Amino acid sequence: MQNKNRIKSAFESMMFVFGDPLDVKTAAAAAGVERKEAEAYFHELVKEYEEAGRGIRVRETGGKFQFVSYEENFDYIRSICTPAKERRLSQAALEVLAIAAYKQPVTKSEIDAIRGIKSDRVIEGLIAKELIEDRGRSNAIGRPALYGTTGKFLTYFDLKDLGELPQLDDEELEDAIRSFGEPGEDEPPTAIPGQTTLDI
């Protein structure tokens, strides 16, 4: 049986080299341990990095784990990095993401009805960015496509799962959508209710 610390060390190396969020199942298979055991080790790493107060943390998002920098060190990081041109999500994109996150699986016509404007191009853009995905077909007339958010959505908004979103009923969601401003693609960037602005 492999030493526990040796396996945790291997998981650290995997996260460092892999870069993207690392699935527990993949890590467990590579280390030759059960998924439940691997998940426990990842949670230990999350706690250890947090308690040590280091500049690198282990973040869980959508059942996957990833090395990230400590958010309060952002200003120091920015001071030594040449800033690339930022592309922030438009108001329209944030509106569609908010609706998809809270109403999923949801059809385009349902998204259009809440926004009060067609969303075809916005949906296509979000699919291309892998922030929403096709979840199959509705049983409604014409069997329209159903959309929902992805694991990449959770990663970008720093969410462990959708349960971390603020709890909003339908009326509160519509109020939040209206608070983004008039629907369009050129308004200043904002964020999903209760979340930070997303840079892509």
Protein backbone atom coordinates (compact mmCIF):
# COMPACT_ATOMS: atom_id res chain seq x y z
CA MET A 1 0.00 0.00 0.00
CA GLN A 2 1.34 3.40 -0.94
CA ASN A 3 2.22 5.92 1.74
CA LYS A 4 -0.50 8.56 2.23
CA ASN A 5 1.94 11.48 2.04
CA ARG A 6 3.47 10.02 -1.11
CA ILE A 7 0.06 9.95 -2.80
CA LYS A 8 -0.73 13.52 -1.71
CA SER A 9 2.66 14.56 -3.09
CA ALA A 10 1.77 12.89 -6.37
CA PHE A 11 -1.55 14.75 -6.46
CA GLU A 12 0.30 18.04 -5.98
CA SER A 13 2.57 17.23 -8.92
CA MET A 14 -0.41 16.25 -11.05
CA MET A 15 -2.21 19.52 -10.34
CA PHE A 16 0.92 21.55 -11.02
CA VAL A 17 1.64 19.89 -14.37
CA PHE A 18 -1.98 19.47 -15.51
CA GLY A 19 -2.90 23.12 -14.98
CA ASP A 20 -6.62 22.68 -15.61
CA PRO A 21 -8.91 21.42 -12.82
CA LEU A 22 -7.96 17.78 -12.13
CA ASP A 23 -10.77 15.24 -11.87
CA VAL A 24 -10.64 13.08 -8.73
CA LYS A 25 -11.37 9.92 -10.73
CA THR A 26 -8.43 10.57 -13.05
CA ALA A 27 -6.05 11.27 -10.16
CA ALA A 28 -7.24 8.23 -8.23
CA ALA A 29 -6.68 5.94 -11.23
CA ALA A 30 -3.18 7.34 -11.77
CA ALA A 31 -2.28 6.82 -8.11
CA GLY A 32 -3.92 3.41 -7.89
CA VAL A 33 -6.31 4.32 -5.05
CA GLU A 34 -10.09 4.37 -4.63
CA ARG A 35 -11.92 7.55 -5.61
CA LYS A 36 -13.23 8.10 -2.07
CA GLU A 37 -9.71 7.84 -0.65
CA ALA A 38 -8.36 10.23 -3.29
CA GLU A 39 -11.10 12.76 -2.57
CA ALA A 40 -10.24 12.68 1.14
CA TYR A 41 -6.58 13.36 0.34
CA PHE A 42 -7.51 16.30 -1.88
CA HIS A 43 -9.63 17.78 0.89
CA GLU A 44 -6.69 17.40 3.26
CA LEU A 45 -4.54 19.33 0.79
CA VAL A 46 -7.14 22.10 0.58
CA LYS A 47 -7.07 22.44 4.37
CA GLU A 48 -3.28 22.20 4.66
CA TYR A 49 -2.62 24.94 2.09
CA GLU A 50 -5.28 27.15 3.67
CA GLU A 51 -3.92 26.72 7.21
CA ALA A 52 -0.32 27.26 6.09
CA GLY A 53 -1.24 30.67 4.68
CA ARG A 54 0.79 30.04 1.54
CA GLY A 55 0.55 32.00 -1.70
CA ILE A 56 -0.76 28.93 -3.51
CA ARG A 57 -4.06 27.32 -2.61
CA VAL A 58 -5.93 24.21 -3.74
CA ARG A 59 -9.38 25.06 -5.06
CA GLU A 60 -12.24 22.61 -5.49
CA THR A 61 -14.65 23.33 -8.31
CA GLY A 62 -17.23 20.96 -9.72
CA GLY A 63 -15.64 17.91 -8.08
CA LYS A 64 -12.21 18.78 -9.51
CA PHE A 65 -9.13 20.30 -7.88
CA GLN A 66 -6.64 22.89 -9.08
CA PHE A 67 -3.73 25.00 -7.85
CA VAL A 68 -4.62 28.72 -7.76
CA SER A 69 -2.88 31.81 -6.40
CA TYR A 70 -4.09 33.36 -3.15
CA GLU A 71 -6.63 35.98 -4.21
CA GLU A 72 -5.31 38.65 -1.83
CA ASN A 73 -1.95 38.56 -3.64
CA PHE A 74 -3.51 39.70 -6.92
CA ASP A 75 -2.04 43.21 -6.77
CA TYR A 76 1.48 41.82 -6.32
CA ILE A 77 1.04 39.45 -9.25
CA ARG A 78 -0.36 42.18 -11.46
CA SER A 79 2.62 44.44 -10.68
CA ILE A 80 5.11 42.02 -12.26
CA CYS A 81 3.01 40.75 -15.15
CA THR A 82 2.60 42.48 -18.47
CA PRO A 83 -1.16 42.87 -18.70
CA ALA A 84 -2.76 41.22 -21.69
CA LYS A 85 -5.76 42.86 -23.32
CA GLU A 86 -8.76 41.96 -21.19
CA ARG A 87 -11.92 40.64 -22.74
CA ARG A 88 -14.75 40.72 -20.28
CA LEU A 89 -18.11 39.13 -20.73
CA SER A 90 -20.71 41.49 -22.11
CA GLN A 91 -23.91 42.41 -20.31
CA ALA A 92 -25.79 40.15 -22.70
CA ALA A 93 -23.51 37.20 -21.98
CA LEU A 94 -23.84 37.67 -18.22
CA GLU A 95 -27.61 37.84 -18.53
CA VAL A 96 -27.74 34.55 -20.43
CA LEU A 97 -25.28 32.92 -18.02
CA ALA A 98 -27.35 33.98 -15.02
CA ILE A 99 -30.52 32.59 -16.57
CA ALA A 100 -28.80 29.35 -17.56
CA ALA A 101 -27.29 28.94 -14.09
CA TYR A 102 -30.58 29.40 -12.24
CA LYS A 103 -33.07 27.87 -14.70
CA GLN A 104 -31.11 25.02 -16.27
CA PRO A 105 -31.87 23.09 -18.29
CA VAL A 106 -33.44 25.98 -20.19
CA THR A 107 -34.44 26.58 -23.82
CA LYS A 108 -33.46 29.55 -25.96
CA SER A 109 -37.06 30.73 -26.09
CA GLU A 110 -37.20 30.76 -22.28
CA ILE A 111 -33.97 32.77 -22.17
CA ASP A 112 -35.36 35.17 -24.80
CA ALA A 113 -38.59 35.61 -22.83
CA ILE A 114 -36.75 36.61 -19.65
CA ARG A 115 -34.31 38.94 -21.43
CA GLY A 116 -36.89 40.40 -23.82
CA ILE A 117 -34.52 40.06 -26.78
CA LYS A 118 -33.20 37.26 -28.99
CA SER A 119 -30.15 35.48 -27.62
CA ASP A 120 -28.98 33.28 -30.52
CA ARG A 121 -25.59 34.92 -31.03
CA VAL A 122 -24.91 35.24 -27.31
CA ILE A 123 -25.67 31.56 -26.72
CA GLU A 124 -23.40 30.57 -29.61
CA GLY A 125 -20.59 32.67 -28.13
CA LEU A 126 -20.97 31.14 -24.67
CA ILE A 127 -20.97 27.63 -26.14
CA ALA A 128 -17.76 28.49 -28.03
CA LYS A 129 -16.23 29.68 -24.73
CA GLU A 130 -17.41 26.41 -23.11
CA LEU A 131 -19.36 28.27 -20.42
CA ILE A 132 -22.70 26.72 -21.40
CA GLU A 133 -23.48 23.49 -23.22
CA ASP A 134 -26.26 21.64 -25.02
CA ARG A 135 -28.05 19.39 -22.53
CA GLY A 136 -30.25 17.56 -25.01
CA ARG A 137 -33.77 18.25 -26.23
CA SER A 138 -36.97 19.43 -24.57
CA ASN A 139 -40.21 17.46 -24.95
CA ALA A 140 -41.96 20.67 -26.01
CA ILE A 141 -43.23 21.18 -29.57
CA GLY A 142 -40.30 21.27 -31.98
CA ARG A 143 -38.03 19.66 -29.33
CA PRO A 144 -35.87 22.76 -28.79
CA ALA A 145 -32.34 22.43 -27.40
CA LEU A 146 -31.81 22.67 -23.65
CA TYR A 147 -28.85 24.60 -22.24
CA GLY A 148 -26.98 24.51 -18.95
CA THR A 149 -23.72 25.71 -17.44
CA THR A 150 -20.44 23.77 -17.56
CA GLY A 151 -17.57 22.90 -15.26
CA LYS A 152 -15.62 25.75 -16.87
CA PHE A 153 -18.39 28.12 -15.71
CA LEU A 154 -17.79 26.99 -12.12
CA THR A 155 -14.05 27.47 -12.49
CA TYR A 156 -14.28 31.00 -13.92
CA PHE A 157 -16.70 32.14 -11.22
CA ASP A 158 -14.73 30.37 -8.48
CA LEU A 159 -17.67 28.18 -7.43
CA LYS A 160 -17.39 24.76 -5.84
CA ASP A 161 -20.84 23.94 -7.20
CA LEU A 162 -24.06 25.73 -8.19
CA GLY A 163 -25.25 25.57 -4.58
CA GLU A 164 -22.84 28.44 -3.83
CA LEU A 165 -24.86 30.83 -6.01
CA PRO A 166 -27.07 33.26 -4.05
CA GLN A 167 -30.58 31.85 -3.62
CA LEU A 168 -32.97 33.76 -5.90
CA ASP A 169 -36.61 33.07 -6.77
CA ASP A 170 -37.94 33.80 -10.28
CA GLU A 171 -38.88 37.39 -9.45
CA GLU A 172 -35.51 38.12 -7.83
CA LEU A 173 -33.71 36.60 -10.82
CA GLU A 174 -35.62 38.81 -13.24
CA ASP A 175 -34.87 41.86 -11.07
CA ALA A 176 -31.20 40.91 -11.12
CA ILE A 177 -31.26 40.55 -14.90
CA ARG A 178 -32.84 44.00 -15.24
CA SER A 179 -30.17 45.42 -12.95
CA PHE A 180 -27.54 44.52 -15.56
CA GLY A 181 -28.95 47.31 -17.72
CA GLU A 182 -30.67 47.26 -21.09
CA PRO A 183 -29.93 44.05 -23.04
CA GLY A 184 -27.08 44.41 -25.48
CA GLU A 185 -23.51 43.45 -26.22
CA ASP A 186 -21.60 46.68 -25.68
CA GLU A 187 -22.42 47.72 -22.11
CA PRO A 188 -19.70 47.88 -19.42
CA PRO A 189 -18.89 44.54 -17.74
CA THR A 190 -20.69 43.42 -14.59
CA ALA A 191 -21.20 40.09 -12.82
CA ILE A 192 -23.70 37.38 -12.08
CA PRO A 193 -25.64 38.22 -8.87
CA GLY A 194 -23.37 37.78 -5.88
CA GLN A 195 -20.31 36.92 -7.98
CA THR A 196 -17.20 38.75 -9.14
CA THR A 197 -16.68 40.00 -12.68
CA LEU A 198 -15.44 37.37 -15.09
CA ASP A 199 -12.43 38.04 -17.29
CA ILE A 200 -11.87 35.82 -20.29
